[in-house]
Amino acid sequence: MAVPKRKTSRANTRTRRSQWKTSATTLTTCPHCGQPTRPHTACPSCGTYKGRYYASAERSEFEAR
């Protein structure tokens, strides 16, 4: 197994890690209520996904804190 001969400097480590970037979340509109929601998940405002209603996915005012 290969082992590095020297410690990687902070500058080299941070330069390499500077390319690790996150991308913005893709949003789609809910066909039922029209609110923006993430794809392939139940709508947090109305709780529907693919024509079905999921009560556990619906956001409440108390839970949003």
PDB file of N, CA and C in Angstrom:
ATOM      1  N   MET A   1       0.837  -1.180   0.000  1.00  0.00           N
ATOM      2  CA  MET A   1       0.000   0.000   0.000  1.00  0.00           C
ATOM      3  C   MET A   1       0.882   1.244   0.000  1.00  0.00           C
ATOM      4  N   ALA A   2       0.570   2.207  -0.849  1.00  0.00           N
ATOM      5  CA  ALA A   2       1.379   3.414  -0.961  1.00  0.00           C
ATOM      6  C   ALA A   2       1.127   4.340   0.222  1.00  0.00           C
ATOM      7  N   VAL A   3       2.217   4.883   0.744  1.00  0.00           N
ATOM      8  CA  VAL A   3       2.154   5.806   1.870  1.00  0.00           C
ATOM      9  C   VAL A   3       2.859   7.089   1.463  1.00  0.00           C
ATOM     10  N   PRO A   4       2.281   8.272   1.738  1.00  0.00           N
ATOM     11  CA  PRO A   4       2.958   9.508   1.360  1.00  0.00           C
ATOM     12  C   PRO A   4       4.258   9.706   2.148  1.00  0.00           C
ATOM     13  N   LYS A   5       5.279  10.240   1.471  1.00  0.00           N
ATOM     14  CA  LYS A   5       6.558  10.457   2.134  1.00  0.00           C
ATOM     15  C   LYS A   5       6.543  11.681   3.029  1.00  0.00           C
ATOM     16  N   ARG A   6       5.775  12.708   2.633  1.00  0.00           N
ATOM     17  CA  ARG A   6       5.748  13.947   3.404  1.00  0.00           C
ATOM     18  C   ARG A   6       4.309  14.358   3.702  1.00  0.00           C
ATOM     19  N   LYS A   7       4.187  15.178   4.738  1.00  0.00           N
ATOM     20  CA  LYS A   7       2.894  15.717   5.107  1.00  0.00           C
ATOM     21  C   LYS A   7       2.453  16.732   4.054  1.00  0.00           C
ATOM     22  N   THR A   8       1.167  16.673   3.675  1.00  0.00           N
ATOM     23  CA  THR A   8       0.622  17.641   2.727  1.00  0.00           C
ATOM     24  C   THR A   8       0.416  18.968   3.441  1.00  0.00           C
ATOM     25  N   SER A   9       0.913  20.041   2.855  1.00  0.00           N
ATOM     26  CA  SER A   9       0.813  21.354   3.498  1.00  0.00           C
ATOM     27  C   SER A   9      -0.637  21.828   3.560  1.00  0.00           C
ATOM     28  N   ARG A  10      -0.886  22.791   4.438  1.00  0.00           N
ATOM     29  CA  ARG A  10      -2.233  23.349   4.554  1.00  0.00           C
ATOM     30  C   ARG A  10      -2.673  24.013   3.266  1.00  0.00           C
ATOM     31  N   ALA A  11      -1.750  24.697   2.606  1.00  0.00           N
ATOM     32  CA  ALA A  11      -2.094  25.398   1.367  1.00  0.00           C
ATOM     33  C   ALA A  11      -2.525  24.410   0.285  1.00  0.00           C
ATOM     34  N   ASN A  12      -1.794  23.314   0.147  1.00  0.00           N
ATOM     35  CA  ASN A  12      -2.164  22.319  -0.863  1.00  0.00           C
ATOM     36  C   ASN A  12      -3.487  21.646  -0.522  1.00  0.00           C
ATOM     37  N   THR A  13      -3.695  21.351   0.747  1.00  0.00           N
ATOM     38  CA  THR A  13      -4.943  20.723   1.165  1.00  0.00           C
ATOM     39  C   THR A  13      -6.118  21.646   0.905  1.00  0.00           C
ATOM     40  N   ARG A  14      -5.983  22.911   1.285  1.00  0.00           N
ATOM     41  CA  ARG A  14      -7.075  23.858   1.112  1.00  0.00           C
ATOM     42  C   ARG A  14      -7.313  24.194  -0.356  1.00  0.00           C
ATOM     43  N   THR A  15      -6.263  24.197  -1.161  1.00  0.00           N
ATOM     44  CA  THR A  15      -6.428  24.429  -2.598  1.00  0.00           C
ATOM     45  C   THR A  15      -7.220  23.291  -3.231  1.00  0.00           C
ATOM     46  N   ARG A  16      -6.924  22.088  -2.821  1.00  0.00           N
ATOM     47  CA  ARG A  16      -7.652  20.928  -3.347  1.00  0.00           C
ATOM     48  C   ARG A  16      -9.112  20.954  -2.896  1.00  0.00           C
ATOM     49  N   ARG A  17      -9.340  21.296  -1.649  1.00  0.00           N
ATOM     50  CA  ARG A  17     -10.700  21.306  -1.124  1.00  0.00           C
ATOM     51  C   ARG A  17     -11.522  22.492  -1.607  1.00  0.00           C
ATOM     52  N   SER A  18     -10.890  23.488  -2.181  1.00  0.00           N
ATOM     53  CA  SER A  18     -11.633  24.660  -2.649  1.00  0.00           C
ATOM     54  C   SER A  18     -12.547  24.318  -3.819  1.00  0.00           C
ATOM     55  N   GLN A  19     -12.328  23.188  -4.459  1.00  0.00           N
ATOM     56  CA  GLN A  19     -13.151  22.776  -5.581  1.00  0.00           C
ATOM     57  C   GLN A  19     -14.419  22.055  -5.132  1.00  0.00           C
ATOM     58  N   TRP A  20     -14.524  21.722  -3.835  1.00  0.00           N
ATOM     59  CA  TRP A  20     -15.708  21.048  -3.310  1.00  0.00           C
ATOM     60  C   TRP A  20     -16.789  22.084  -3.114  1.00  0.00           C
ATOM     61  N   LYS A  21     -17.742  22.125  -4.016  1.00  0.00           N
ATOM     62  CA  LYS A  21     -18.806  23.114  -3.936  1.00  0.00           C
ATOM     63  C   LYS A  21     -20.154  22.408  -3.952  1.00  0.00           C
ATOM     64  N   THR A  22     -21.107  23.001  -3.289  1.00  0.00           N
ATOM     65  CA  THR A  22     -22.459  22.462  -3.322  1.00  0.00           C
ATOM     66  C   THR A  22     -23.244  23.176  -4.410  1.00  0.00           C
ATOM     67  N   SER A  23     -24.249  22.514  -4.905  1.00  0.00           N
ATOM     68  CA  SER A  23     -25.106  23.125  -5.915  1.00  0.00           C
ATOM     69  C   SER A  23     -26.452  23.466  -5.283  1.00  0.00           C
ATOM     70  N   ALA A  24     -27.129  24.416  -5.858  1.00  0.00           N
ATOM     71  CA  ALA A  24     -28.436  24.825  -5.342  1.00  0.00           C
ATOM     72  C   ALA A  24     -29.442  23.697  -5.540  1.00  0.00           C
ATOM     73  N   THR A  25     -30.356  23.557  -4.597  1.00  0.00           N
ATOM     74  CA  THR A  25     -31.374  22.519  -4.670  1.00  0.00           C
ATOM     75  C   THR A  25     -32.334  22.805  -5.817  1.00  0.00           C
ATOM     76  N   THR A  26     -32.646  21.782  -6.588  1.00  0.00           N
ATOM     77  CA  THR A  26     -33.596  21.913  -7.679  1.00  0.00           C
ATOM     78  C   THR A  26     -35.012  21.957  -7.106  1.00  0.00           C
ATOM     79  N   LEU A  27     -35.797  22.892  -7.557  1.00  0.00           N
ATOM     80  CA  LEU A  27     -37.174  23.011  -7.085  1.00  0.00           C
ATOM     81  C   LEU A  27     -38.137  22.853  -8.248  1.00  0.00           C
ATOM     82  N   THR A  28     -39.256  22.191  -7.983  1.00  0.00           N
ATOM     83  CA  THR A  28     -40.342  22.079  -8.939  1.00  0.00           C
ATOM     84  C   THR A  28     -41.609  22.605  -8.274  1.00  0.00           C
ATOM     85  N   THR A  29     -42.628  22.856  -9.048  1.00  0.00           N
ATOM     86  CA  THR A  29     -43.881  23.331  -8.469  1.00  0.00           C
ATOM     87  C   THR A  29     -44.803  22.145  -8.219  1.00  0.00           C
ATOM     88  N   CYS A  30     -45.502  22.189  -7.119  1.00  0.00           N
ATOM     89  CA  CYS A  30     -46.458  21.141  -6.768  1.00  0.00           C
ATOM     90  C   CYS A  30     -47.668  21.261  -7.688  1.00  0.00           C
ATOM     91  N   PRO A  31     -48.086  20.175  -8.347  1.00  0.00           N
ATOM     92  CA  PRO A  31     -49.254  20.266  -9.234  1.00  0.00           C
ATOM     93  C   PRO A  31     -50.561  20.482  -8.469  1.00  0.00           C
ATOM     94  N   HIS A  32     -50.582  20.165  -7.186  1.00  0.00           N
ATOM     95  CA  HIS A  32     -51.813  20.290  -6.396  1.00  0.00           C
ATOM     96  C   HIS A  32     -52.004  21.705  -5.849  1.00  0.00           C
ATOM     97  N   CYS A  33     -50.936  22.267  -5.224  1.00  0.00           N
ATOM     98  CA  CYS A  33     -51.088  23.576  -4.577  1.00  0.00           C
ATOM     99  C   CYS A  33     -50.239  24.670  -5.227  1.00  0.00           C
ATOM    100  N   GLY A  34     -49.275  24.315  -6.081  1.00  0.00           N
ATOM    101  CA  GLY A  34     -48.475  25.311  -6.778  1.00  0.00           C
ATOM    102  C   GLY A  34     -47.277  25.833  -6.004  1.00  0.00           C
ATOM    103  N   GLN A  35     -47.037  25.325  -4.805  1.00  0.00           N
ATOM    104  CA  GLN A  35     -45.892  25.761  -4.010  1.00  0.00           C
ATOM    105  C   GLN A  35     -44.612  25.082  -4.513  1.00  0.00           C
ATOM    106  N   PRO A  36     -43.452  25.736  -4.364  1.00  0.00           N
ATOM    107  CA  PRO A  36     -42.193  25.083  -4.765  1.00  0.00           C
ATOM    108  C   PRO A  36     -41.853  23.941  -3.812  1.00  0.00           C
ATOM    109  N   THR A  37     -41.407  22.827  -4.374  1.00  0.00           N
ATOM    110  CA  THR A  37     -41.059  21.652  -3.590  1.00  0.00           C
ATOM    111  C   THR A  37     -39.914  20.925  -4.259  1.00  0.00           C
ATOM    112  N   ARG A  38     -39.196  20.098  -3.499  1.00  0.00           N
ATOM    113  CA  ARG A  38     -38.108  19.321  -4.070  1.00  0.00           C
ATOM    114  C   ARG A  38     -38.682  18.161  -4.877  1.00  0.00           C
ATOM    115  N   PRO A  39     -38.025  17.767  -5.963  1.00  0.00           N
ATOM    116  CA  PRO A  39     -38.548  16.664  -6.771  1.00  0.00           C
ATOM    117  C   PRO A  39     -38.463  15.330  -6.026  1.00  0.00           C
ATOM    118  N   HIS A  40     -39.383  14.434  -6.309  1.00  0.00           N
ATOM    119  CA  HIS A  40     -39.448  13.069  -5.771  1.00  0.00           C
ATOM    120  C   HIS A  40     -39.676  13.051  -4.264  1.00  0.00           C
ATOM    121  N   THR A  41     -40.270  14.102  -3.702  1.00  0.00           N
ATOM    122  CA  THR A  41     -40.632  14.127  -2.291  1.00  0.00           C
ATOM    123  C   THR A  41     -42.048  14.661  -2.160  1.00  0.00           C
ATOM    124  N   ALA A  42     -42.680  14.358  -1.050  1.00  0.00           N
ATOM    125  CA  ALA A  42     -44.030  14.869  -0.807  1.00  0.00           C
ATOM    126  C   ALA A  42     -43.959  16.368  -0.556  1.00  0.00           C
ATOM    127  N   CYS A  43     -44.969  17.092  -0.994  1.00  0.00           N
ATOM    128  CA  CYS A  43     -45.018  18.545  -0.841  1.00  0.00           C
ATOM    129  C   CYS A  43     -45.130  18.885   0.646  1.00  0.00           C
ATOM    130  N   PRO A  44     -44.252  19.743   1.184  1.00  0.00           N
ATOM    131  CA  PRO A  44     -44.329  20.057   2.610  1.00  0.00           C
ATOM    132  C   PRO A  44     -45.534  20.923   2.979  1.00  0.00           C
ATOM    133  N   SER A  45     -46.122  21.633   2.015  1.00  0.00           N
ATOM    134  CA  SER A  45     -47.251  22.506   2.361  1.00  0.00           C
ATOM    135  C   SER A  45     -48.596  21.780   2.305  1.00  0.00           C
ATOM    136  N   CYS A  46     -48.800  20.912   1.308  1.00  0.00           N
ATOM    137  CA  CYS A  46     -50.095  20.222   1.218  1.00  0.00           C
ATOM    138  C   CYS A  46     -49.997  18.719   1.479  1.00  0.00           C
ATOM    139  N   GLY A  47     -48.792  18.127   1.433  1.00  0.00           N
ATOM    140  CA  GLY A  47     -48.611  16.716   1.771  1.00  0.00           C
ATOM    141  C   GLY A  47     -48.959  15.745   0.669  1.00  0.00           C
ATOM    142  N   THR A  48     -49.054  16.182  -0.597  1.00  0.00           N
ATOM    143  CA  THR A  48     -49.380  15.262  -1.677  1.00  0.00           C
ATOM    144  C   THR A  48     -48.132  14.893  -2.469  1.00  0.00           C
ATOM    145  N   TYR A  49     -48.140  13.685  -3.011  1.00  0.00           N
ATOM    146  CA  TYR A  49     -47.068  13.224  -3.899  1.00  0.00           C
ATOM    147  C   TYR A  49     -47.667  12.216  -4.861  1.00  0.00           C
ATOM    148  N   LYS A  50     -47.551  12.493  -6.142  1.00  0.00           N
ATOM    149  CA  LYS A  50     -48.087  11.635  -7.210  1.00  0.00           C
ATOM    150  C   LYS A  50     -49.563  11.321  -7.000  1.00  0.00           C
ATOM    151  N   GLY A  51     -50.335  12.345  -6.627  1.00  0.00           N
ATOM    152  CA  GLY A  51     -51.767  12.193  -6.485  1.00  0.00           C
ATOM    153  C   GLY A  51     -52.235  11.590  -5.180  1.00  0.00           C
ATOM    154  N   ARG A  52     -51.317  11.254  -4.279  1.00  0.00           N
ATOM    155  CA  ARG A  52     -51.688  10.681  -2.988  1.00  0.00           C
ATOM    156  C   ARG A  52     -51.401  11.684  -1.878  1.00  0.00           C
ATOM    157  N   TYR A  53     -52.131  11.563  -0.780  1.00  0.00           N
ATOM    158  CA  TYR A  53     -51.985  12.462   0.357  1.00  0.00           C
ATOM    159  C   TYR A  53     -51.213  11.754   1.465  1.00  0.00           C
ATOM    160  N   TYR A  54     -50.170  12.417   1.971  1.00  0.00           N
ATOM    161  CA  TYR A  54     -49.370  11.892   3.068  1.00  0.00           C
ATOM    162  C   TYR A  54     -49.420  12.890   4.220  1.00  0.00           C
ATOM    163  N   ALA A  55     -50.122  12.526   5.294  1.00  0.00           N
ATOM    164  CA  ALA A  55     -50.307  13.438   6.424  1.00  0.00           C
ATOM    165  C   ALA A  55     -48.992  13.672   7.160  1.00  0.00           C
ATOM    166  N   SER A  56     -48.098  12.686   7.182  1.00  0.00           N
ATOM    167  CA  SER A  56     -46.845  12.838   7.916  1.00  0.00           C
ATOM    168  C   SER A  56     -45.898  13.833   7.231  1.00  0.00           C
ATOM    169  N   ALA A  57     -46.092  14.095   5.951  1.00  0.00           N
ATOM    170  CA  ALA A  57     -45.221  15.006   5.219  1.00  0.00           C
ATOM    171  C   ALA A  57     -45.661  16.453   5.355  1.00  0.00           C
ATOM    172  N   GLU A  58     -46.879  16.691   5.810  1.00  0.00           N
ATOM    173  CA  GLU A  58     -47.405  18.049   5.895  1.00  0.00           C
ATOM    174  C   GLU A  58     -46.783  18.785   7.071  1.00  0.00           C
ATOM    175  N   ARG A  59     -46.350  20.025   6.839  1.00  0.00           N
ATOM    176  CA  ARG A  59     -45.725  20.842   7.866  1.00  0.00           C
ATOM    177  C   ARG A  59     -46.785  21.482   8.753  1.00  0.00           C
ATOM    178  N   SER A  60     -46.517  21.544  10.032  1.00  0.00           N
ATOM    179  CA  SER A  60     -47.400  22.249  10.943  1.00  0.00           C
ATOM    180  C   SER A  60     -46.676  23.490  11.467  1.00  0.00           C
ATOM    181  N   GLU A  61     -47.398  24.426  12.045  1.00  0.00           N
ATOM    182  CA  GLU A  61     -46.802  25.655  12.561  1.00  0.00           C
ATOM    183  C   GLU A  61     -45.885  25.372  13.740  1.00  0.00           C
ATOM    184  N   PHE A  62     -46.249  24.426  14.589  1.00  0.00           N
ATOM    185  CA  PHE A  62     -45.441  24.099  15.756  1.00  0.00           C
ATOM    186  C   PHE A  62     -44.123  23.451  15.350  1.00  0.00           C
ATOM    187  N   GLU A  63     -44.157  22.615  14.322  1.00  0.00           N
ATOM    188  CA  GLU A  63     -42.978  21.868  13.888  1.00  0.00           C
ATOM    189  C   GLU A  63     -41.968  22.743  13.165  1.00  0.00           C
ATOM    190  N   ALA A  64     -42.401  23.853  12.592  1.00  0.00           N
ATOM    191  CA  ALA A  64     -41.533  24.697  11.783  1.00  0.00           C
ATOM    192  C   ALA A  64     -40.529  25.491  12.609  1.00  0.00           C
ATOM    193  N   ARG A  65     -40.667  25.540  13.923  1.00  0.00           N
ATOM    194  CA  ARG A  65     -39.751  26.301  14.776  1.00  0.00           C
ATOM    195  C   ARG A  65     -38.414  25.753  14.803  1.00  0.00           C
TER     196      ARG A  65
END
